[in-house]
C-alpha atoms as a PDB file:
ATOM      1  CA  MET A   1     -10.315 -13.533 -30.435  1.00  0.00           C
ATOM      2  CA  SER A   2      -7.766 -13.023 -27.839  1.00  0.00           C
ATOM      3  CA  SER A   3      -5.108 -10.687 -27.748  1.00  0.00           C
ATOM      4  CA  GLY A   4      -1.887 -12.281 -29.829  1.00  0.00           C
ATOM      5  CA  GLU A   5      -4.806 -14.486 -32.235  1.00  0.00           C
ATOM      6  CA  HIS A   6      -4.762 -11.591 -34.575  1.00  0.00           C
ATOM      7  CA  ASP A   7      -6.049 -11.196 -38.047  1.00  0.00           C
ATOM      8  CA  CYS A   8      -3.215 -10.946 -40.316  1.00  0.00           C
ATOM      9  CA  ALA A   9      -5.027 -10.202 -43.657  1.00  0.00           C
ATOM     10  CA  ALA A  10      -5.242  -6.697 -43.489  1.00  0.00           C
ATOM     11  CA  VAL A  11      -1.703  -5.823 -42.929  1.00  0.00           C
ATOM     12  CA  SER A  12      -0.416  -3.492 -45.666  1.00  0.00           C
ATOM     13  CA  ASP A  13       3.222  -3.084 -46.904  1.00  0.00           C
ATOM     14  CA  GLY A  14       5.483  -0.437 -45.294  1.00  0.00           C
ATOM     15  CA  GLY A  15       7.889  -0.125 -42.422  1.00  0.00           C
ATOM     16  CA  PRO A  16       7.261   1.697 -39.330  1.00  0.00           C
ATOM     17  CA  VAL A  17       8.895   5.182 -37.631  1.00  0.00           C
ATOM     18  CA  GLY A  18      11.797   3.464 -35.398  1.00  0.00           C
ATOM     19  CA  VAL A  19      12.155   3.595 -31.842  1.00  0.00           C
ATOM     20  CA  SER A  20      15.879   5.056 -31.101  1.00  0.00           C
ATOM     21  CA  THR A  21      17.769   2.393 -29.256  1.00  0.00           C
ATOM     22  CA  SER A  22      20.473   4.655 -27.970  1.00  0.00           C
ATOM     23  CA  ARG A  23      19.052   4.510 -24.334  1.00  0.00           C
ATOM     24  CA  THR A  24      15.604   3.134 -22.852  1.00  0.00           C
ATOM     25  CA  ARG A  25      12.795   5.021 -23.382  1.00  0.00           C
ATOM     26  CA  VAL A  26      10.547   5.401 -20.471  1.00  0.00           C
ATOM     27  CA  LYS A  27       6.666   5.810 -20.547  1.00  0.00           C
ATOM     28  CA  PHE A  28       4.827   6.324 -16.895  1.00  0.00           C
ATOM     29  CA  CYS A  29       1.185   5.249 -17.735  1.00  0.00           C
ATOM     30  CA  GLY A  30      -2.577   5.976 -15.839  1.00  0.00           C
ATOM     31  CA  ILE A  31      -1.566   9.946 -15.181  1.00  0.00           C
ATOM     32  CA  VAL A  32      -4.756  11.679 -14.115  1.00  0.00           C
ATOM     33  CA  ASP A  33      -3.617  14.827 -12.937  1.00  0.00           C
ATOM     34  CA  VAL A  34      -1.179  17.538 -13.825  1.00  0.00           C
ATOM     35  CA  ARG A  35       1.023  17.275 -10.669  1.00  0.00           C
ATOM     36  CA  ASP A  36       2.034  13.977 -11.980  1.00  0.00           C
ATOM     37  CA  ALA A  37       2.327  14.814 -15.350  1.00  0.00           C
ATOM     38  CA  ARG A  38       4.995  17.820 -14.331  1.00  0.00           C
ATOM     39  CA  ASP A  39       6.615  15.503 -12.020  1.00  0.00           C
ATOM     40  CA  ALA A  40       7.130  13.137 -14.489  1.00  0.00           C
ATOM     41  CA  VAL A  41       8.436  15.819 -17.230  1.00  0.00           C
ATOM     42  CA  ALA A  42      10.585  17.016 -14.869  1.00  0.00           C
ATOM     43  CA  LEU A  43      12.647  13.420 -14.007  1.00  0.00           C
ATOM     44  CA  GLY A  44      12.999  12.963 -17.920  1.00  0.00           C
ATOM     45  CA  VAL A  45      10.237  10.722 -19.121  1.00  0.00           C
ATOM     46  CA  ASP A  46       9.818  10.521 -22.604  1.00  0.00           C
ATOM     47  CA  ALA A  47       5.942   9.861 -22.752  1.00  0.00           C
ATOM     48  CA  ILE A  48       2.867   9.765 -20.321  1.00  0.00           C
ATOM     49  CA  GLY A  49       0.295   7.375 -20.781  1.00  0.00           C
ATOM     50  CA  LEU A  50      -3.695   8.503 -20.690  1.00  0.00           C
ATOM     51  CA  VAL A  51      -6.338   5.729 -20.460  1.00  0.00           C
ATOM     52  CA  PHE A  52      -9.474   6.036 -22.236  1.00  0.00           C
ATOM     53  CA  TYR A  53     -10.802   2.528 -20.937  1.00  0.00           C
ATOM     54  CA  PRO A  54     -14.046   3.303 -19.137  1.00  0.00           C
ATOM     55  CA  ARG A  55     -13.363   0.183 -16.811  1.00  0.00           C
ATOM     56  CA  SER A  56      -9.945   0.983 -15.863  1.00  0.00           C
ATOM     57  CA  PRO A  57      -9.641   2.763 -12.331  1.00  0.00           C
ATOM     58  CA  ARG A  58      -7.081   5.274 -14.024  1.00  0.00           C
ATOM     59  CA  ALA A  59      -9.608   6.184 -16.776  1.00  0.00           C
ATOM     60  CA  ILE A  60     -10.021  10.176 -17.570  1.00  0.00           C
ATOM     61  CA  ASP A  61     -12.358  12.024 -19.677  1.00  0.00           C
ATOM     62  CA  PRO A  62     -10.812  13.580 -22.981  1.00  0.00           C
ATOM     63  CA  ALA A  63     -11.302  17.357 -21.529  1.00  0.00           C
ATOM     64  CA  HIS A  64      -9.295  16.738 -18.526  1.00  0.00           C
ATOM     65  CA  ALA A  65      -6.865  14.604 -20.712  1.00  0.00           C
ATOM     66  CA  ALA A  66      -6.486  17.580 -22.775  1.00  0.00           C
ATOM     67  CA  GLY A  67      -5.678  19.755 -19.987  1.00  0.00           C
ATOM     68  CA  ILE A  68      -2.777  17.110 -18.935  1.00  0.00           C
ATOM     69  CA  ARG A  69      -1.602  17.582 -22.323  1.00  0.00           C
ATOM     70  CA  ARG A  70      -1.383  21.447 -22.514  1.00  0.00           C
ATOM     71  CA  SER A  71       0.996  20.890 -19.499  1.00  0.00           C
ATOM     72  CA  LEU A  72       3.389  18.960 -21.499  1.00  0.00           C
ATOM     73  CA  PRO A  73       6.519  20.516 -23.236  1.00  0.00           C
ATOM     74  CA  SER A  74       6.688  19.340 -26.811  1.00  0.00           C
ATOM     75  CA  TYR A  75       9.465  16.761 -26.495  1.00  0.00           C
ATOM     76  CA  VAL A  76       7.107  14.695 -24.148  1.00  0.00           C
ATOM     77  CA  ALA A  77       4.661  12.803 -25.832  1.00  0.00           C
ATOM     78  CA  ALA A  78       1.025  12.044 -24.724  1.00  0.00           C
ATOM     79  CA  VAL A  79       0.197   8.406 -25.526  1.00  0.00           C
ATOM     80  CA  GLY A  80      -3.535   7.445 -25.389  1.00  0.00           C
ATOM     81  CA  LEU A  81      -4.616   3.962 -24.204  1.00  0.00           C
ATOM     82  CA  PHE A  82      -7.929   2.441 -25.848  1.00  0.00           C
ATOM     83  CA  VAL A  83      -9.423  -0.796 -25.597  1.00  0.00           C
ATOM     84  CA  ASP A  84     -11.855  -2.230 -28.430  1.00  0.00           C
ATOM     85  CA  ALA A  85     -13.341   1.276 -28.492  1.00  0.00           C
ATOM     86  CA  PRO A  86     -15.062   2.308 -31.926  1.00  0.00           C
ATOM     87  CA  PRO A  87     -12.653   3.746 -34.774  1.00  0.00           C
ATOM     88  CA  GLU A  88     -14.533   7.117 -34.835  1.00  0.00           C
ATOM     89  CA  ALA A  89     -14.471   7.432 -30.768  1.00  0.00           C
ATOM     90  CA  VAL A  90     -10.806   6.606 -31.089  1.00  0.00           C
ATOM     91  CA  ARG A  91      -9.871   9.417 -33.372  1.00  0.00           C
ATOM     92  CA  ARG A  92     -12.401  12.155 -31.996  1.00  0.00           C
ATOM     93  CA  VAL A  93     -10.579  11.571 -28.708  1.00  0.00           C
ATOM     94  CA  ALA A  94      -7.185  11.659 -30.428  1.00  0.00           C
ATOM     95  CA  GLY A  95      -8.398  14.908 -31.876  1.00  0.00           C
ATOM     96  CA  THR A  96      -9.737  16.587 -28.906  1.00  0.00           C
ATOM     97  CA  VAL A  97      -6.448  16.057 -26.731  1.00  0.00           C
ATOM     98  CA  GLY A  98      -3.794  16.066 -29.027  1.00  0.00           C
ATOM     99  CA  LEU A  99      -2.564  12.938 -28.571  1.00  0.00           C
ATOM    100  CA  ASP A 100       1.163  11.794 -30.199  1.00  0.00           C
ATOM    101  CA  ALA A 101       0.477   8.025 -29.974  1.00  0.00           C
ATOM    102  CA  LEU A 102      -2.371   5.553 -29.623  1.00  0.00           C
ATOM    103  CA  GLN A 103      -1.811   2.185 -27.803  1.00  0.00           C
ATOM    104  CA  PHE A 104      -4.322  -0.336 -28.511  1.00  0.00           C
ATOM    105  CA  HIS A 105      -4.921  -2.715 -25.931  1.00  0.00           C
ATOM    106  CA  GLY A 106      -7.698  -5.082 -26.831  1.00  0.00           C
ATOM    107  CA  ASN A 107      -8.608  -7.350 -29.634  1.00  0.00           C
ATOM    108  CA  GLU A 108      -8.093  -4.860 -32.231  1.00  0.00           C
ATOM    109  CA  SER A 109      -6.946  -6.161 -35.813  1.00  0.00           C
ATOM    110  CA  ALA A 110      -3.956  -4.246 -37.481  1.00  0.00           C
ATOM    111  CA  HIS A 111      -6.674  -3.359 -39.738  1.00  0.00           C
ATOM    112  CA  GLU A 112      -8.699  -1.778 -36.704  1.00  0.00           C
ATOM    113  CA  CYS A 113      -5.770  -0.074 -35.297  1.00  0.00           C
ATOM    114  CA  GLU A 114      -4.774   1.516 -38.732  1.00  0.00           C
ATOM    115  CA  ALA A 115      -8.481   2.553 -38.955  1.00  0.00           C
ATOM    116  CA  SER A 116      -8.372   4.432 -35.557  1.00  0.00           C
ATOM    117  CA  THR A 117      -5.565   6.283 -36.133  1.00  0.00           C
ATOM    118  CA  PRO A 118      -5.707   9.905 -37.436  1.00  0.00           C
ATOM    119  CA  ALA A 119      -3.055  11.088 -40.056  1.00  0.00           C
ATOM    120  CA  GLY A 120       0.282  12.126 -38.762  1.00  0.00           C
ATOM    121  CA  VAL A 121      -0.479   9.755 -35.425  1.00  0.00           C
ATOM    122  CA  GLY A 122       1.554   6.741 -34.686  1.00  0.00           C
ATOM    123  CA  TRP A 123       0.221   3.559 -32.978  1.00  0.00           C
ATOM    124  CA  TRP A 124       1.653   0.546 -30.738  1.00  0.00           C
ATOM    125  CA  ARG A 125       0.026  -2.642 -30.227  1.00  0.00           C
ATOM    126  CA  ALA A 126      -0.095  -4.298 -26.762  1.00  0.00           C
ATOM    127  CA  VAL A 127       0.207  -8.196 -26.495  1.00  0.00           C
ATOM    128  CA  ARG A 128      -0.260  -9.634 -23.612  1.00  0.00           C
ATOM    129  CA  VAL A 129       2.150 -12.282 -23.549  1.00  0.00           C
ATOM    130  CA  ARG A 130       1.702 -16.137 -22.644  1.00  0.00           C
ATOM    131  CA  ARG A 131       3.194 -19.659 -24.033  1.00  0.00           C
ATOM    132  CA  GLU A 132       0.169 -19.882 -26.280  1.00  0.00           C
ATOM    133  CA  VAL A 133       0.976 -16.310 -28.037  1.00  0.00           C
ATOM    134  CA  ASP A 134       3.496 -16.550 -30.776  1.00  0.00           C
ATOM    135  CA  LEU A 135       5.385 -13.127 -30.411  1.00  0.00           C
ATOM    136  CA  ILE A 136       6.956 -13.607 -34.212  1.00  0.00           C
ATOM    137  CA  GLU A 137       3.331 -13.845 -35.364  1.00  0.00           C
ATOM    138  CA  SER A 138       2.419 -10.732 -33.884  1.00  0.00           C
ATOM    139  CA  PHE A 139       5.458  -8.815 -34.865  1.00  0.00           C
ATOM    140  CA  VAL A 140       3.781  -9.794 -38.568  1.00  0.00           C
ATOM    141  CA  CYS A 141       0.527  -8.998 -38.124  1.00  0.00           C
ATOM    142  CA  PHE A 142       1.437  -5.570 -36.804  1.00  0.00           C
ATOM    143  CA  GLU A 143       4.091  -4.751 -39.087  1.00  0.00           C
ATOM    144  CA  ARG A 144       2.698  -1.071 -39.365  1.00  0.00           C
ATOM    145  CA  ALA A 145       2.900  -0.441 -35.546  1.00  0.00           C
ATOM    146  CA  GLU A 146       5.879   1.768 -34.256  1.00  0.00           C
ATOM    147  CA  ALA A 147       6.426  -0.968 -31.543  1.00  0.00           C
ATOM    148  CA  LEU A 148       4.973  -3.709 -29.787  1.00  0.00           C
ATOM    149  CA  LEU A 149       4.148  -3.073 -26.036  1.00  0.00           C
ATOM    150  CA  LEU A 150       4.645  -6.555 -24.268  1.00  0.00           C
ATOM    151  CA  ASP A 151       2.485  -6.954 -21.125  1.00  0.00           C
ATOM    152  CA  SER A 152       1.598  -9.953 -19.384  1.00  0.00           C
ATOM    153  CA  PHE A 153      -1.721 -11.867 -19.821  1.00  0.00           C
ATOM    154  CA  SER A 154      -4.351 -11.230 -17.945  1.00  0.00           C
ATOM    155  CA  PRO A 155      -8.084 -11.292 -18.256  1.00  0.00           C
ATOM    156  CA  VAL A 156      -8.336  -7.748 -17.643  1.00  0.00           C
ATOM    157  CA  TYR A 157      -7.674  -5.461 -20.436  1.00  0.00           C
ATOM    158  CA  GLY A 158      -5.540  -2.269 -19.880  1.00  0.00           C
ATOM    159  CA  GLY A 159      -2.633  -3.533 -17.786  1.00  0.00           C
ATOM    160  CA  SER A 160      -2.139  -6.185 -14.855  1.00  0.00           C
ATOM    161  CA  GLY A 161       0.450  -4.704 -13.194  1.00  0.00           C
ATOM    162  CA  THR A 162       2.316  -8.252 -12.993  1.00  0.00           C
ATOM    163  CA  ALA A 163       5.050  -9.750 -14.623  1.00  0.00           C
ATOM    164  CA  PHE A 164       5.404 -12.296 -17.037  1.00  0.00           C
ATOM    165  CA  ASP A 165       8.372 -14.538 -18.006  1.00  0.00           C
ATOM    166  CA  TRP A 166      10.633 -12.322 -19.958  1.00  0.00           C
ATOM    167  CA  SER A 167      12.280 -15.669 -21.826  1.00  0.00           C
ATOM    168  CA  LEU A 168       9.079 -15.843 -23.971  1.00  0.00           C
ATOM    169  CA  ILE A 169      10.241 -12.392 -25.676  1.00  0.00           C
ATOM    170  CA  PRO A 170      12.115 -13.383 -28.984  1.00  0.00           C
ATOM    171  CA  THR A 171      16.098 -12.129 -28.700  1.00  0.00           C
ATOM    172  CA  HIS A 172      15.885 -11.057 -32.486  1.00  0.00           C
ATOM    173  CA  ARG A 173      13.016  -8.317 -32.972  1.00  0.00           C
ATOM    174  CA  PRO A 174      11.993  -6.805 -36.149  1.00  0.00           C
ATOM    175  CA  ARG A 175       9.857  -4.359 -34.262  1.00  0.00           C
ATOM    176  CA  PRO A 176      10.785  -2.106 -31.325  1.00  0.00           C
ATOM    177  CA  ILE A 177       9.115  -3.190 -28.137  1.00  0.00           C
ATOM    178  CA  PHE A 178       8.227  -1.629 -25.054  1.00  0.00           C
ATOM    179  CA  LEU A 179       8.216  -3.919 -22.083  1.00  0.00           C
ATOM    180  CA  SER A 180       5.513  -3.660 -19.471  1.00  0.00           C
ATOM    181  CA  GLY A 181       3.892  -5.614 -16.543  1.00  0.00           C
ATOM    182  CA  GLY A 182       4.771  -5.656 -13.274  1.00  0.00           C
ATOM    183  CA  LEU A 183       7.725  -3.434 -13.776  1.00  0.00           C
ATOM    184  CA  CYS A 184       8.804  -1.010 -10.335  1.00  0.00           C
ATOM    185  CA  PRO A 185      11.986   0.137  -9.420  1.00  0.00           C
ATOM    186  CA  GLY A 186      13.027  -2.995  -7.777  1.00  0.00           C
ATOM    187  CA  ASN A 187      13.076  -4.987 -11.054  1.00  0.00           C
ATOM    188  CA  VAL A 188      13.283  -2.478 -13.953  1.00  0.00           C
ATOM    189  CA  ALA A 189      17.027  -2.490 -14.138  1.00  0.00           C
ATOM    190  CA  ASP A 190      17.435  -6.353 -14.293  1.00  0.00           C
ATOM    191  CA  ALA A 191      14.523  -6.222 -16.901  1.00  0.00           C
ATOM    192  CA  ILE A 192      16.802  -3.994 -19.052  1.00  0.00           C
ATOM    193  CA  ALA A 193      19.793  -6.144 -18.750  1.00  0.00           C
ATOM    194  CA  ARG A 194      17.775  -9.214 -19.574  1.00  0.00           C
ATOM    195  CA  VAL A 195      15.230  -8.231 -22.552  1.00  0.00           C
ATOM    196  CA  HIS A 196      17.348  -4.795 -23.858  1.00  0.00           C
ATOM    197  CA  PRO A 197      13.889  -3.397 -24.544  1.00  0.00           C
ATOM    198  CA  ASP A 198      13.715  -0.279 -26.466  1.00  0.00           C
ATOM    199  CA  GLY A 199      11.578   1.303 -23.833  1.00  0.00           C
ATOM    200  CA  VAL A 200       9.828   0.416 -20.412  1.00  0.00           C
ATOM    201  CA  ASP A 201       6.473   1.098 -19.282  1.00  0.00           C
ATOM    202  CA  VAL A 202       5.275   1.477 -15.838  1.00  0.00           C
ATOM    203  CA  SER A 203       2.084   2.646 -13.958  1.00  0.00           C
ATOM    204  CA  SER A 204       1.102   0.375 -10.788  1.00  0.00           C
ATOM    205  CA  GLY A 205       5.065  -0.142 -10.028  1.00  0.00           C
ATOM    206  CA  ILE A 206       4.967   4.037  -9.385  1.00  0.00           C
ATOM    207  CA  GLN A 207       1.700   3.987  -7.590  1.00  0.00           C
ATOM    208  CA  ALA A 208       1.518   6.021  -4.154  1.00  0.00           C
ATOM    209  CA  ASP A 209       0.809   4.525  -1.027  1.00  0.00           C
ATOM    210  CA  ALA A 210       0.479   4.893   2.655  1.00  0.00           C
ATOM    211  CA  ALA A 211       3.942   6.199   2.624  1.00  0.00           C
ATOM    212  CA  ASP A 212       3.067   8.907   0.315  1.00  0.00           C
ATOM    213  CA  GLY A 213      -0.098  10.010   2.252  1.00  0.00           C
ATOM    214  CA  ALA A 214      -2.659   7.733   0.039  1.00  0.00           C
ATOM    215  CA  ALA A 215      -5.132   5.397   0.690  1.00  0.00           C
ATOM    216  CA  CYS A 216      -4.417   1.586   0.547  1.00  0.00           C
ATOM    217  CA  GLY A 217      -4.787   0.965  -3.244  1.00  0.00           C
ATOM    218  CA  GLU A 218      -5.268   4.271  -4.261  1.00  0.00           C
ATOM    219  CA  PRO A 219      -4.428   3.599  -8.179  1.00  0.00           C
ATOM    220  CA  ARG A 220      -4.987   7.503  -9.426  1.00  0.00           C
ATOM    221  CA  ARG A 221      -1.995   8.813  -7.615  1.00  0.00           C
ATOM    222  CA  LYS A 222       1.723   8.113  -8.373  1.00  0.00           C
ATOM    223  CA  SER A 223       4.436   8.509  -6.103  1.00  0.00           C
ATOM    224  CA  ALA A 224       7.146  11.121  -6.838  1.00  0.00           C
ATOM    225  CA  LYS A 225       9.714   8.865  -4.647  1.00  0.00           C
ATOM    226  CA  ARG A 226       9.164   5.820  -6.460  1.00  0.00           C
ATOM    227  CA  MET A 227       9.018   7.989 -10.076  1.00  0.00           C
ATOM    228  CA  GLU A 228      12.392   9.169  -9.119  1.00  0.00           C
ATOM    229  CA  ARG A 229      13.581   6.027  -8.161  1.00  0.00           C
ATOM    230  CA  PHE A 230      12.346   4.112 -11.356  1.00  0.00           C
ATOM    231  CA  MET A 231      14.361   6.464 -13.765  1.00  0.00           C
ATOM    232  CA  ALA A 232      17.353   6.279 -11.312  1.00  0.00           C
ATOM    233  CA  GLU A 233      17.104   2.484 -11.962  1.00  0.00           C
ATOM    234  CA  VAL A 234      16.873   2.666 -15.644  1.00  0.00           C
ATOM    235  CA  LEU A 235      19.496   5.173 -16.065  1.00  0.00           C
ATOM    236  CA  ARG A 236      21.689   2.774 -13.861  1.00  0.00           C
ATOM    237  CA  ALA A 237      20.773  -0.142 -16.388  1.00  0.00           C
ATOM    238  CA  ASP A 238      21.667   2.219 -19.226  1.00  0.00           C
ATOM    239  CA  VAL A 239      25.153   3.071 -17.990  1.00  0.00           C
ATOM    240  CA  ALA A 240      26.048  -0.861 -17.095  1.00  0.00           C
ATOM    241  CA  ARG A 241      24.870  -1.859 -20.636  1.00  0.00           C
ATOM    242  CA  ILE A 242      27.079   0.746 -22.272  1.00  0.00           C
ATOM    243  CA  SER A 243      29.949   0.211 -20.115  1.00  0.00           C
ATOM    244  CA  ARG A 244      30.158  -3.484 -20.849  1.00  0.00           C
END
């Protein structure tokens, strides 16, 4: 079953915890070291993402992730990304690390997402967007999710680093959304102006390159300059939105 083709039967009643729309929330994903986490905190991010999908180049083991979690202040959330992991394994990692929220990025049904989530921990559902995916159906299927994270479709799970057609996102949405997929300092302001997401999620768009002293294509390092530019562009977009 592909992402977007979900089992709706297991969805129970009840609404999610809402995400504030007073400003655009920001999550930096794929954090693998304390230095990048502290830089993100200093710039004012709302959450960092820790990847627990073994095939991802940004995968991190729970013990190391717990150290990063301990470096965060209480007002910055740690979100764990999982792809079709057994529920008991997800719960174990969530407890070991002290995750605040879980992000399911595979083919998990709503029932599987809820079964994987410890009490008191929120969960988000990633949806890989393409024309064949009915986003309205996804909102219904995952009505207990705190938010949907909309990413571009790719055969590779855990994020593609490419943008998708934002016109596929419905204007009226029953749940908060985080926009992901190919965001970077050069396009995030336009994305916020056009989509009005509750939050934005970025990983490869703030990746370090040769200018930062990193090897070409090094996915495990973040660029402090790009992180700073990204946050500045989000702020600029929010100011423009409020000023209209």
